[in-house]
Amino acid sequence: MNVRIIGVPMDLGSNRRGTDMGPSALRAADLASRLENLDHDVEDGGNVFAHEPETQAMDEAGMRFVDEIVRTSEAVARRVRRAKLEDEVPLVIGGDHSLAMGTAAGIATEDSRVGILWIDAHGDFNTPKTTPSGNVHGMPLASIVGRGDPRLCEIGGVAPKVREEDVAMVGTRSLDPPEAEALRESDISVHTMRDIDEQGMRSVMEAAIEDIDPDTDWLHVSLDMDVVDPEIAPGVGTPVPGGISYREAHLAMEIVNDSGSMGSMEVVEVNPILDERNRTADLAVGLAGSAFGKRIL
């Protein structure tokens, strides 16, 4: 593959600082060279500029820093779209999960049908009306499927970017009550941690990929590192106990690669402030490697 790394040091979608250092942490863990060792051609496209929260107006209570998040996401969309047009696989590294709106905007077009595998402890399915915090990193998936504020939904000029029936979630274990209700009423396929506990990661991942409509012509993998248990990945934006194990995480990415369908990927919410000797970033790079073809044998 020809892989284009796009860094998004954005720390606006959360109320906890540190994820803006995520791209640097992944690069320090030798992301590019470890992908090159898998025989991929890798180009690091540098970072999309994002302002620090301290320099920006808070905007609205229900959408903190919304104007700057939209501006940054539009810039992400342009970078991702350019990589796609040049037949490169965009690998977006963050940064908080609100950047996913920009990634999806870059790969979605009026005449394409994109599928998303959303691997995350959280649903990210809030809207300004349901959010308890006003943090936009809890809204990207809702915005991508056309729910919520038009400013977020219309990033990139395509809304909705993805149909609900073309989204599958894996590892979900922390939902706000209105968010859970909205997901139950949606056409999104949700595979929770209970499903993984009862069925095993292989069955869940195969079911999740199968749940995404086969008529999609592009599979995007959105990996939030908080899906992994914080005992293994402590350096994440919003840690939640009871996550997937080291081997479950690698198996999930290996199955993604086995599918042969992945057209783009993002790895988000690495927070070096909360990490231990960059172990979470190192794991994130290893998981990206598994998604791009690394095998035990």
C-alpha atoms as a PDB file:
ATOM      1  CA  MET A   1       0.000   0.000   0.000  1.00  0.00           C
ATOM      2  CA  ASN A   2       0.892   3.645  -0.352  1.00  0.00           C
ATOM      3  CA  VAL A   3       0.165   5.085   3.090  1.00  0.00           C
ATOM      4  CA  ARG A   4      -0.174   8.792   3.897  1.00  0.00           C
ATOM      5  CA  ILE A   5       0.142   9.699   7.582  1.00  0.00           C
ATOM      6  CA  ILE A   6      -1.861  12.786   8.549  1.00  0.00           C
ATOM      7  CA  GLY A   7      -1.434  14.135  12.061  1.00  0.00           C
ATOM      8  CA  VAL A   8      -4.201  16.084  13.776  1.00  0.00           C
ATOM      9  CA  PRO A   9      -2.936  17.479  17.109  1.00  0.00           C
ATOM     10  CA  MET A  10      -6.397  18.603  18.176  1.00  0.00           C
ATOM     11  CA  ASP A  11      -7.379  18.871  21.809  1.00  0.00           C
ATOM     12  CA  LEU A  12     -10.611  20.848  21.460  1.00  0.00           C
ATOM     13  CA  GLY A  13     -13.256  18.139  21.641  1.00  0.00           C
ATOM     14  CA  SER A  14     -12.551  17.115  25.227  1.00  0.00           C
ATOM     15  CA  ASN A  15     -12.278  18.845  28.589  1.00  0.00           C
ATOM     16  CA  ARG A  16      -9.011  17.041  29.406  1.00  0.00           C
ATOM     17  CA  ARG A  17      -5.770  18.291  27.877  1.00  0.00           C
ATOM     18  CA  GLY A  18      -3.098  16.079  26.300  1.00  0.00           C
ATOM     19  CA  THR A  19      -4.456  14.409  23.164  1.00  0.00           C
ATOM     20  CA  ASP A  20      -2.896  17.145  21.040  1.00  0.00           C
ATOM     21  CA  MET A  21       0.423  15.412  21.768  1.00  0.00           C
ATOM     22  CA  GLY A  22      -0.861  12.093  20.439  1.00  0.00           C
ATOM     23  CA  PRO A  23       0.556  12.432  16.909  1.00  0.00           C
ATOM     24  CA  SER A  24       4.024  13.171  18.297  1.00  0.00           C
ATOM     25  CA  ALA A  25       3.799  10.154  20.599  1.00  0.00           C
ATOM     26  CA  LEU A  26       2.871   7.831  17.711  1.00  0.00           C
ATOM     27  CA  ARG A  27       5.707   9.181  15.592  1.00  0.00           C
ATOM     28  CA  ALA A  28       8.105   8.724  18.518  1.00  0.00           C
ATOM     29  CA  ALA A  29       6.978   5.076  18.595  1.00  0.00           C
ATOM     30  CA  ASP A  30       8.315   4.742  15.008  1.00  0.00           C
ATOM     31  CA  LEU A  31       4.971   4.577  13.224  1.00  0.00           C
ATOM     32  CA  ALA A  32       6.343   5.243   9.743  1.00  0.00           C
ATOM     33  CA  SER A  33       9.311   2.871   9.935  1.00  0.00           C
ATOM     34  CA  ARG A  34       7.237   0.048  11.411  1.00  0.00           C
ATOM     35  CA  LEU A  35       4.796   0.316   8.511  1.00  0.00           C
ATOM     36  CA  GLU A  36       7.677   0.497   6.045  1.00  0.00           C
ATOM     37  CA  ASN A  37       8.985  -2.761   7.530  1.00  0.00           C
ATOM     38  CA  LEU A  38       5.719  -4.309   6.286  1.00  0.00           C
ATOM     39  CA  ASP A  39       6.718  -3.307   2.726  1.00  0.00           C
ATOM     40  CA  HIS A  40       4.359  -0.326   2.526  1.00  0.00           C
ATOM     41  CA  ASP A  41       5.419   2.953   0.960  1.00  0.00           C
ATOM     42  CA  VAL A  42       4.847   5.536   3.669  1.00  0.00           C
ATOM     43  CA  GLU A  43       4.748   9.307   3.395  1.00  0.00           C
ATOM     44  CA  ASP A  44       4.321  11.444   6.486  1.00  0.00           C
ATOM     45  CA  GLY A  45       2.254  14.435   5.438  1.00  0.00           C
ATOM     46  CA  GLY A  46       2.860  16.314   8.682  1.00  0.00           C
ATOM     47  CA  ASN A  47       0.150  17.841  10.827  1.00  0.00           C
ATOM     48  CA  VAL A  48      -3.052  19.724  10.206  1.00  0.00           C
ATOM     49  CA  PHE A  49      -2.837  22.902  12.268  1.00  0.00           C
ATOM     50  CA  ALA A  50      -5.181  23.127  15.249  1.00  0.00           C
ATOM     51  CA  HIS A  51      -5.359  25.920  17.815  1.00  0.00           C
ATOM     52  CA  GLU A  52      -4.938  25.252  21.523  1.00  0.00           C
ATOM     53  CA  PRO A  53      -8.126  25.516  23.607  1.00  0.00           C
ATOM     54  CA  GLU A  54      -6.667  28.337  25.695  1.00  0.00           C
ATOM     55  CA  THR A  55      -6.486  30.583  22.620  1.00  0.00           C
ATOM     56  CA  GLN A  56     -10.080  30.033  21.504  1.00  0.00           C
ATOM     57  CA  ALA A  57     -13.515  31.220  22.541  1.00  0.00           C
ATOM     58  CA  MET A  58     -15.619  28.559  24.265  1.00  0.00           C
ATOM     59  CA  ASP A  59     -18.472  29.197  21.762  1.00  0.00           C
ATOM     60  CA  GLU A  60     -21.590  27.406  23.032  1.00  0.00           C
ATOM     61  CA  ALA A  61     -22.339  25.393  26.144  1.00  0.00           C
ATOM     62  CA  GLY A  62     -23.632  22.467  24.065  1.00  0.00           C
ATOM     63  CA  MET A  63     -20.680  22.498  21.640  1.00  0.00           C
ATOM     64  CA  ARG A  64     -17.450  23.726  23.159  1.00  0.00           C
ATOM     65  CA  PHE A  65     -14.978  25.176  20.628  1.00  0.00           C
ATOM     66  CA  VAL A  66     -17.307  24.300  17.761  1.00  0.00           C
ATOM     67  CA  ASP A  67     -16.025  26.934  15.314  1.00  0.00           C
ATOM     68  CA  GLU A  68     -12.396  25.842  15.587  1.00  0.00           C
ATOM     69  CA  ILE A  69     -13.336  22.156  15.484  1.00  0.00           C
ATOM     70  CA  VAL A  70     -15.251  22.742  12.250  1.00  0.00           C
ATOM     71  CA  ARG A  71     -12.335  24.703  10.764  1.00  0.00           C
ATOM     72  CA  THR A  72      -9.823  22.005  11.682  1.00  0.00           C
ATOM     73  CA  SER A  73     -12.117  19.228  10.452  1.00  0.00           C
ATOM     74  CA  GLU A  74     -12.513  20.949   7.078  1.00  0.00           C
ATOM     75  CA  ALA A  75      -8.721  21.039   6.792  1.00  0.00           C
ATOM     76  CA  VAL A  76      -8.529  17.345   7.698  1.00  0.00           C
ATOM     77  CA  ALA A  77     -11.139  16.570   5.042  1.00  0.00           C
ATOM     78  CA  ARG A  78      -9.067  18.313   2.363  1.00  0.00           C
ATOM     79  CA  ARG A  79      -5.921  16.369   3.307  1.00  0.00           C
ATOM     80  CA  VAL A  80      -7.749  13.034   3.413  1.00  0.00           C
ATOM     81  CA  ARG A  81      -9.530  13.706   0.122  1.00  0.00           C
ATOM     82  CA  ARG A  82      -6.218  14.520  -1.573  1.00  0.00           C
ATOM     83  CA  ALA A  83      -4.655  11.287  -0.314  1.00  0.00           C
ATOM     84  CA  LYS A  84      -7.632   9.282  -1.536  1.00  0.00           C
ATOM     85  CA  LEU A  85      -7.500  10.907  -4.984  1.00  0.00           C
ATOM     86  CA  GLU A  86      -3.801  10.023  -5.189  1.00  0.00           C
ATOM     87  CA  ASP A  87      -4.564   6.351  -4.410  1.00  0.00           C
ATOM     88  CA  GLU A  88      -2.988   6.527  -0.984  1.00  0.00           C
ATOM     89  CA  VAL A  89      -4.400   5.009   2.204  1.00  0.00           C
ATOM     90  CA  PRO A  90      -5.020   7.852   4.664  1.00  0.00           C
ATOM     91  CA  LEU A  91      -3.822   7.015   8.178  1.00  0.00           C
ATOM     92  CA  VAL A  92      -5.015   9.849  10.415  1.00  0.00           C
ATOM     93  CA  ILE A  93      -3.474  10.078  13.872  1.00  0.00           C
ATOM     94  CA  GLY A  94      -4.829  12.209  16.693  1.00  0.00           C
ATOM     95  CA  GLY A  95      -5.854  14.013  18.582  1.00  0.00           C
ATOM     96  CA  ASP A  96      -9.342  13.720  20.017  1.00  0.00           C
ATOM     97  CA  HIS A  97     -12.091  11.764  18.263  1.00  0.00           C
ATOM     98  CA  SER A  98     -13.906  14.823  16.926  1.00  0.00           C
ATOM     99  CA  LEU A  99     -11.373  14.732  14.071  1.00  0.00           C
ATOM    100  CA  ALA A 100     -13.315  11.728  12.709  1.00  0.00           C
ATOM    101  CA  MET A 101     -15.821  14.142  11.207  1.00  0.00           C
ATOM    102  CA  GLY A 102     -13.031  15.493   9.016  1.00  0.00           C
ATOM    103  CA  THR A 103     -11.778  12.054   8.054  1.00  0.00           C
ATOM    104  CA  ALA A 104     -15.266  10.904   7.067  1.00  0.00           C
ATOM    105  CA  ALA A 105     -15.810  14.114   5.106  1.00  0.00           C
ATOM    106  CA  GLY A 106     -12.614  13.435   3.178  1.00  0.00           C
ATOM    107  CA  ILE A 107     -13.557   9.914   2.106  1.00  0.00           C
ATOM    108  CA  ALA A 108     -17.293  10.457   1.520  1.00  0.00           C
ATOM    109  CA  THR A 109     -18.682  11.728  -1.764  1.00  0.00           C
ATOM    110  CA  GLU A 110     -22.192  12.103  -3.158  1.00  0.00           C
ATOM    111  CA  ASP A 111     -21.806   8.964  -5.281  1.00  0.00           C
ATOM    112  CA  SER A 112     -19.818   6.753  -2.879  1.00  0.00           C
ATOM    113  CA  ARG A 113     -21.003   4.468  -0.105  1.00  0.00           C
ATOM    114  CA  VAL A 114     -18.683   4.318   2.881  1.00  0.00           C
ATOM    115  CA  GLY A 115     -18.774   1.786   5.711  1.00  0.00           C
ATOM    116  CA  ILE A 116     -17.349   2.562   9.148  1.00  0.00           C
ATOM    117  CA  LEU A 117     -16.043   0.167  11.781  1.00  0.00           C
ATOM    118  CA  TRP A 118     -16.163   2.247  14.992  1.00  0.00           C
ATOM    119  CA  ILE A 119     -13.976   0.583  17.635  1.00  0.00           C
ATOM    120  CA  ASP A 120     -14.435   2.579  20.818  1.00  0.00           C
ATOM    121  CA  ALA A 121     -15.458   2.331  24.462  1.00  0.00           C
ATOM    122  CA  HIS A 122     -17.921   5.151  23.831  1.00  0.00           C
ATOM    123  CA  GLY A 123     -20.760   5.629  21.373  1.00  0.00           C
ATOM    124  CA  ASP A 124     -19.847   9.200  20.368  1.00  0.00           C
ATOM    125  CA  PHE A 125     -23.522   9.416  19.421  1.00  0.00           C
ATOM    126  CA  ASN A 126     -24.552  12.469  21.421  1.00  0.00           C
ATOM    127  CA  THR A 127     -25.899  15.678  19.929  1.00  0.00           C
ATOM    128  CA  PRO A 128     -25.910  19.201  21.395  1.00  0.00           C
ATOM    129  CA  LYS A 129     -29.356  18.400  22.824  1.00  0.00           C
ATOM    130  CA  THR A 130     -28.267  15.222  24.638  1.00  0.00           C
ATOM    131  CA  THR A 131     -24.657  15.889  25.630  1.00  0.00           C
ATOM    132  CA  PRO A 132     -24.064  16.186  29.380  1.00  0.00           C
ATOM    133  CA  SER A 133     -20.699  17.902  28.844  1.00  0.00           C
ATOM    134  CA  GLY A 134     -20.733  19.905  25.607  1.00  0.00           C
ATOM    135  CA  ASN A 135     -17.619  18.010  24.492  1.00  0.00           C
ATOM    136  CA  VAL A 136     -17.705  17.534  20.722  1.00  0.00           C
ATOM    137  CA  HIS A 137     -15.580  14.383  20.858  1.00  0.00           C
ATOM    138  CA  GLY A 138     -18.771  12.723  22.110  1.00  0.00           C
ATOM    139  CA  MET A 139     -20.648  13.676  18.925  1.00  0.00           C
ATOM    140  CA  PRO A 140     -18.672  12.693  15.804  1.00  0.00           C
ATOM    141  CA  LEU A 141     -20.482   9.475  14.891  1.00  0.00           C
ATOM    142  CA  ALA A 142     -23.891  11.118  15.287  1.00  0.00           C
ATOM    143  CA  SER A 143     -22.740  13.979  13.059  1.00  0.00           C
ATOM    144  CA  ILE A 144     -21.293  11.618  10.444  1.00  0.00           C
ATOM    145  CA  VAL A 145     -24.681   9.902  10.009  1.00  0.00           C
ATOM    146  CA  GLY A 146     -26.490  13.245   9.901  1.00  0.00           C
ATOM    147  CA  ARG A 147     -27.731  13.701  13.469  1.00  0.00           C
ATOM    148  CA  GLY A 148     -27.120  16.913  15.378  1.00  0.00           C
ATOM    149  CA  ASP A 149     -26.050  20.445  14.568  1.00  0.00           C
ATOM    150  CA  PRO A 150     -25.833  21.265  10.830  1.00  0.00           C
ATOM    151  CA  ARG A 151     -22.401  22.856  11.295  1.00  0.00           C
ATOM    152  CA  LEU A 152     -21.003  19.467  12.304  1.00  0.00           C
ATOM    153  CA  CYS A 153     -23.132  17.348   9.981  1.00  0.00           C
ATOM    154  CA  GLU A 154     -22.223  19.397   6.898  1.00  0.00           C
ATOM    155  CA  ILE A 155     -18.439  19.382   7.284  1.00  0.00           C
ATOM    156  CA  GLY A 156     -17.012  18.669   3.840  1.00  0.00           C
ATOM    157  CA  GLY A 157     -20.283  19.477   2.099  1.00  0.00           C
ATOM    158  CA  VAL A 158     -21.737  15.948   2.275  1.00  0.00           C
ATOM    159  CA  ALA A 159     -24.504  15.091   4.751  1.00  0.00           C
ATOM    160  CA  PRO A 160     -25.034  12.446   5.851  1.00  0.00           C
ATOM    161  CA  LYS A 161     -21.588  11.071   5.060  1.00  0.00           C
ATOM    162  CA  VAL A 162     -22.451   7.489   5.957  1.00  0.00           C
ATOM    163  CA  ARG A 163     -25.733   5.579   6.235  1.00  0.00           C
ATOM    164  CA  GLU A 164     -26.534   4.203   9.662  1.00  0.00           C
ATOM    165  CA  GLU A 165     -26.849   0.667   8.323  1.00  0.00           C
ATOM    166  CA  ASP A 166     -23.247   0.948   7.097  1.00  0.00           C
ATOM    167  CA  VAL A 167     -21.839   1.492  10.606  1.00  0.00           C
ATOM    168  CA  ALA A 168     -20.803  -1.216  13.078  1.00  0.00           C
ATOM    169  CA  MET A 169     -19.527  -0.482  16.578  1.00  0.00           C
ATOM    170  CA  VAL A 170     -17.225  -2.771  18.563  1.00  0.00           C
ATOM    171  CA  GLY A 171     -16.174  -2.640  22.216  1.00  0.00           C
ATOM    172  CA  THR A 172     -18.891  -0.248  23.383  1.00  0.00           C
ATOM    173  CA  ARG A 173     -19.216  -0.083  27.160  1.00  0.00           C
ATOM    174  CA  SER A 174     -19.868   3.524  28.221  1.00  0.00           C
ATOM    175  CA  LEU A 175     -23.004   5.294  26.976  1.00  0.00           C
ATOM    176  CA  ASP A 176     -25.027   8.213  28.289  1.00  0.00           C
ATOM    177  CA  PRO A 177     -28.713   7.218  28.692  1.00  0.00           C
ATOM    178  CA  PRO A 178     -30.058   9.418  25.837  1.00  0.00           C
ATOM    179  CA  GLU A 179     -27.186   8.226  23.646  1.00  0.00           C
ATOM    180  CA  ALA A 180     -28.028   4.580  24.366  1.00  0.00           C
ATOM    181  CA  GLU A 181     -31.662   5.212  23.503  1.00  0.00           C
ATOM    182  CA  ALA A 182     -30.704   6.881  20.223  1.00  0.00           C
ATOM    183  CA  LEU A 183     -28.463   3.949  19.302  1.00  0.00           C
ATOM    184  CA  ARG A 184     -31.215   1.432  20.075  1.00  0.00           C
ATOM    185  CA  GLU A 185     -33.540   3.316  17.722  1.00  0.00           C
ATOM    186  CA  SER A 186     -30.907   3.643  14.986  1.00  0.00           C
ATOM    187  CA  ASP A 187     -29.869   1.212  12.247  1.00  0.00           C
ATOM    188  CA  ILE A 188     -26.316   1.040  13.585  1.00  0.00           C
ATOM    189  CA  SER A 189     -25.002  -2.381  14.561  1.00  0.00           C
ATOM    190  CA  VAL A 190     -23.655  -2.235  18.134  1.00  0.00           C
ATOM    191  CA  HIS A 191     -21.384  -4.975  19.509  1.00  0.00           C
ATOM    192  CA  THR A 192     -20.787  -4.293  23.193  1.00  0.00           C
ATOM    193  CA  MET A 193     -18.183  -5.582  25.612  1.00  0.00           C
ATOM    194  CA  ARG A 194     -20.741  -8.122  26.807  1.00  0.00           C
ATOM    195  CA  ASP A 195     -20.897  -9.499  23.279  1.00  0.00           C
ATOM    196  CA  ILE A 196     -17.105  -9.817  23.248  1.00  0.00           C
ATOM    197  CA  ASP A 197     -17.149 -11.482  26.681  1.00  0.00           C
ATOM    198  CA  GLU A 198     -19.790 -14.006  25.617  1.00  0.00           C
ATOM    199  CA  GLN A 199     -18.877 -14.645  21.971  1.00  0.00           C
ATOM    200  CA  GLY A 200     -15.187 -13.846  21.711  1.00  0.00           C
ATOM    201  CA  MET A 201     -13.454 -11.206  19.629  1.00  0.00           C
ATOM    202  CA  ARG A 202     -13.241 -13.296  16.467  1.00  0.00           C
ATOM    203  CA  SER A 203     -17.003 -13.855  16.274  1.00  0.00           C
ATOM    204  CA  VAL A 204     -17.778 -10.237  17.121  1.00  0.00           C
ATOM    205  CA  MET A 205     -15.380  -8.784  14.556  1.00  0.00           C
ATOM    206  CA  GLU A 206     -16.540 -11.098  11.807  1.00  0.00           C
ATOM    207  CA  ALA A 207     -20.161 -10.235  12.611  1.00  0.00           C
ATOM    208  CA  ALA A 208     -19.412  -6.495  12.709  1.00  0.00           C
ATOM    209  CA  ILE A 209     -17.716  -6.533   9.311  1.00  0.00           C
ATOM    210  CA  GLU A 210     -20.542  -8.642   7.915  1.00  0.00           C
ATOM    211  CA  ASP A 211     -23.113  -6.206   9.352  1.00  0.00           C
ATOM    212  CA  ILE A 212     -21.728  -3.406   7.188  1.00  0.00           C
ATOM    213  CA  ASP A 213     -23.654  -3.509   3.925  1.00  0.00           C
ATOM    214  CA  PRO A 214     -21.680  -5.357   1.215  1.00  0.00           C
ATOM    215  CA  ASP A 215     -22.622  -2.623  -1.266  1.00  0.00           C
ATOM    216  CA  THR A 216     -20.221  -0.218   0.433  1.00  0.00           C
ATOM    217  CA  ASP A 217     -17.176   0.566  -1.674  1.00  0.00           C
ATOM    218  CA  TRP A 218     -14.895   1.798   1.128  1.00  0.00           C
ATOM    219  CA  LEU A 219     -14.275   0.631   4.703  1.00  0.00           C
ATOM    220  CA  HIS A 220     -12.984   3.160   7.202  1.00  0.00           C
ATOM    221  CA  VAL A 221     -11.649   1.932  10.556  1.00  0.00           C
ATOM    222  CA  SER A 222     -11.918   4.381  13.445  1.00  0.00           C
ATOM    223  CA  LEU A 223      -9.854   3.111  16.378  1.00  0.00           C
ATOM    224  CA  ASP A 224     -10.177   4.952  19.680  1.00  0.00           C
ATOM    225  CA  MET A 225      -7.473   3.656  21.993  1.00  0.00           C
ATOM    226  CA  ASP A 226      -9.805   3.834  24.989  1.00  0.00           C
ATOM    227  CA  VAL A 227     -11.426   0.635  23.711  1.00  0.00           C
ATOM    228  CA  VAL A 228      -8.426  -1.137  25.262  1.00  0.00           C
ATOM    229  CA  ASP A 229      -8.479  -1.723  29.006  1.00  0.00           C
ATOM    230  CA  PRO A 230      -6.702   1.145  30.824  1.00  0.00           C
ATOM    231  CA  GLU A 231      -4.520  -1.354  32.671  1.00  0.00           C
ATOM    232  CA  ILE A 232      -2.894  -1.942  29.270  1.00  0.00           C
ATOM    233  CA  ALA A 233      -3.443   1.460  27.645  1.00  0.00           C
ATOM    234  CA  PRO A 234      -3.463   4.088  30.420  1.00  0.00           C
ATOM    235  CA  GLY A 235      -2.631   7.042  28.189  1.00  0.00           C
ATOM    236  CA  VAL A 236      -6.020   7.766  26.629  1.00  0.00           C
ATOM    237  CA  GLY A 237      -8.375  10.722  26.665  1.00  0.00           C
ATOM    238  CA  THR A 238     -11.279   9.076  28.494  1.00  0.00           C
ATOM    239  CA  PRO A 239     -10.287   5.765  30.134  1.00  0.00           C
ATOM    240  CA  VAL A 240     -13.058   3.308  31.045  1.00  0.00           C
ATOM    241  CA  PRO A 241     -12.414   0.097  33.045  1.00  0.00           C
ATOM    242  CA  GLY A 242     -13.308  -3.260  31.542  1.00  0.00           C
ATOM    243  CA  GLY A 243     -11.879  -2.899  28.058  1.00  0.00           C
ATOM    244  CA  ILE A 244     -10.456  -5.362  25.584  1.00  0.00           C
ATOM    245  CA  SER A 245      -7.157  -7.116  26.192  1.00  0.00           C
ATOM    246  CA  TYR A 246      -3.843  -6.750  24.371  1.00  0.00           C
ATOM    247  CA  ARG A 247      -4.392  -9.858  22.270  1.00  0.00           C
ATOM    248  CA  GLU A 248      -8.067  -9.073  21.611  1.00  0.00           C
ATOM    249  CA  ALA A 249      -7.018  -5.692  20.263  1.00  0.00           C
ATOM    250  CA  HIS A 250      -4.432  -7.209  17.937  1.00  0.00           C
ATOM    251  CA  LEU A 251      -6.823  -9.943  16.820  1.00  0.00           C
ATOM    252  CA  ALA A 252      -9.428  -7.302  15.936  1.00  0.00           C
ATOM    253  CA  MET A 253      -6.911  -5.490  13.731  1.00  0.00           C
ATOM    254  CA  GLU A 254      -5.664  -8.732  12.185  1.00  0.00           C
ATOM    255  CA  ILE A 255      -9.250  -9.589  11.214  1.00  0.00           C
ATOM    256  CA  VAL A 256      -9.615  -6.115   9.678  1.00  0.00           C
ATOM    257  CA  ASN A 257      -6.598  -6.884   7.535  1.00  0.00           C
ATOM    258  CA  ASP A 258      -7.922 -10.341   6.674  1.00  0.00           C
ATOM    259  CA  SER A 259     -11.063  -8.719   5.283  1.00  0.00           C
ATOM    260  CA  GLY A 260      -9.045  -6.912   2.622  1.00  0.00           C
ATOM    261  CA  SER A 261     -11.584  -4.070   2.754  1.00  0.00           C
ATOM    262  CA  MET A 262      -9.869  -1.291   4.700  1.00  0.00           C
ATOM    263  CA  GLY A 263      -9.424   1.882   2.676  1.00  0.00           C
ATOM    264  CA  SER A 264      -8.553   4.284   5.503  1.00  0.00           C
ATOM    265  CA  MET A 265      -7.874   4.326   9.219  1.00  0.00           C
ATOM    266  CA  GLU A 266      -7.641   6.728  12.122  1.00  0.00           C
ATOM    267  CA  VAL A 267      -6.075   6.152  15.538  1.00  0.00           C
ATOM    268  CA  VAL A 268      -7.238   8.649  18.143  1.00  0.00           C
ATOM    269  CA  GLU A 269      -7.317   9.722  21.798  1.00  0.00           C
ATOM    270  CA  VAL A 270      -3.715   8.866  22.728  1.00  0.00           C
ATOM    271  CA  ASN A 271      -2.879  11.143  25.674  1.00  0.00           C
ATOM    272  CA  PRO A 272       0.821  11.063  26.616  1.00  0.00           C
ATOM    273  CA  ILE A 273       0.198  13.096  29.799  1.00  0.00           C
ATOM    274  CA  LEU A 274      -1.583  10.073  31.279  1.00  0.00           C
ATOM    275  CA  ASP A 275       0.743   7.480  29.758  1.00  0.00           C
ATOM    276  CA  GLU A 276       3.674   5.474  31.115  1.00  0.00           C
ATOM    277  CA  ARG A 277       6.870   5.597  29.023  1.00  0.00           C
ATOM    278  CA  ASN A 278       4.796   5.960  25.821  1.00  0.00           C
ATOM    279  CA  ARG A 279       3.378   2.449  26.195  1.00  0.00           C
ATOM    280  CA  THR A 280      -0.088   3.408  24.863  1.00  0.00           C
ATOM    281  CA  ALA A 281       1.365   5.034  21.766  1.00  0.00           C
ATOM    282  CA  ASP A 282       3.596   2.009  21.230  1.00  0.00           C
ATOM    283  CA  LEU A 283       0.540  -0.249  21.455  1.00  0.00           C
ATOM    284  CA  ALA A 284      -1.350   2.029  19.056  1.00  0.00           C
ATOM    285  CA  VAL A 285       1.450   1.755  16.511  1.00  0.00           C
ATOM    286  CA  GLY A 286       1.483  -2.018  16.946  1.00  0.00           C
ATOM    287  CA  LEU A 287      -2.274  -2.172  16.351  1.00  0.00           C
ATOM    288  CA  ALA A 288      -1.924  -0.062  13.235  1.00  0.00           C
ATOM    289  CA  GLY A 289       0.731  -2.516  12.123  1.00  0.00           C
ATOM    290  CA  SER A 290      -1.667  -5.433  12.600  1.00  0.00           C
ATOM    291  CA  ALA A 291      -4.330  -3.608  10.590  1.00  0.00           C
ATOM    292  CA  PHE A 292      -1.780  -3.093   7.818  1.00  0.00           C
ATOM    293  CA  GLY A 293      -0.698  -6.717   7.702  1.00  0.00           C
ATOM    294  CA  LYS A 294       1.754  -7.594  10.480  1.00  0.00           C
ATOM    295  CA  ARG A 295       1.523 -11.272  11.470  1.00  0.00           C
ATOM    296  CA  ILE A 296       3.044 -13.471  14.134  1.00  0.00           C
ATOM    297  CA  LEU A 297       4.187 -15.961  11.507  1.00  0.00           C
END
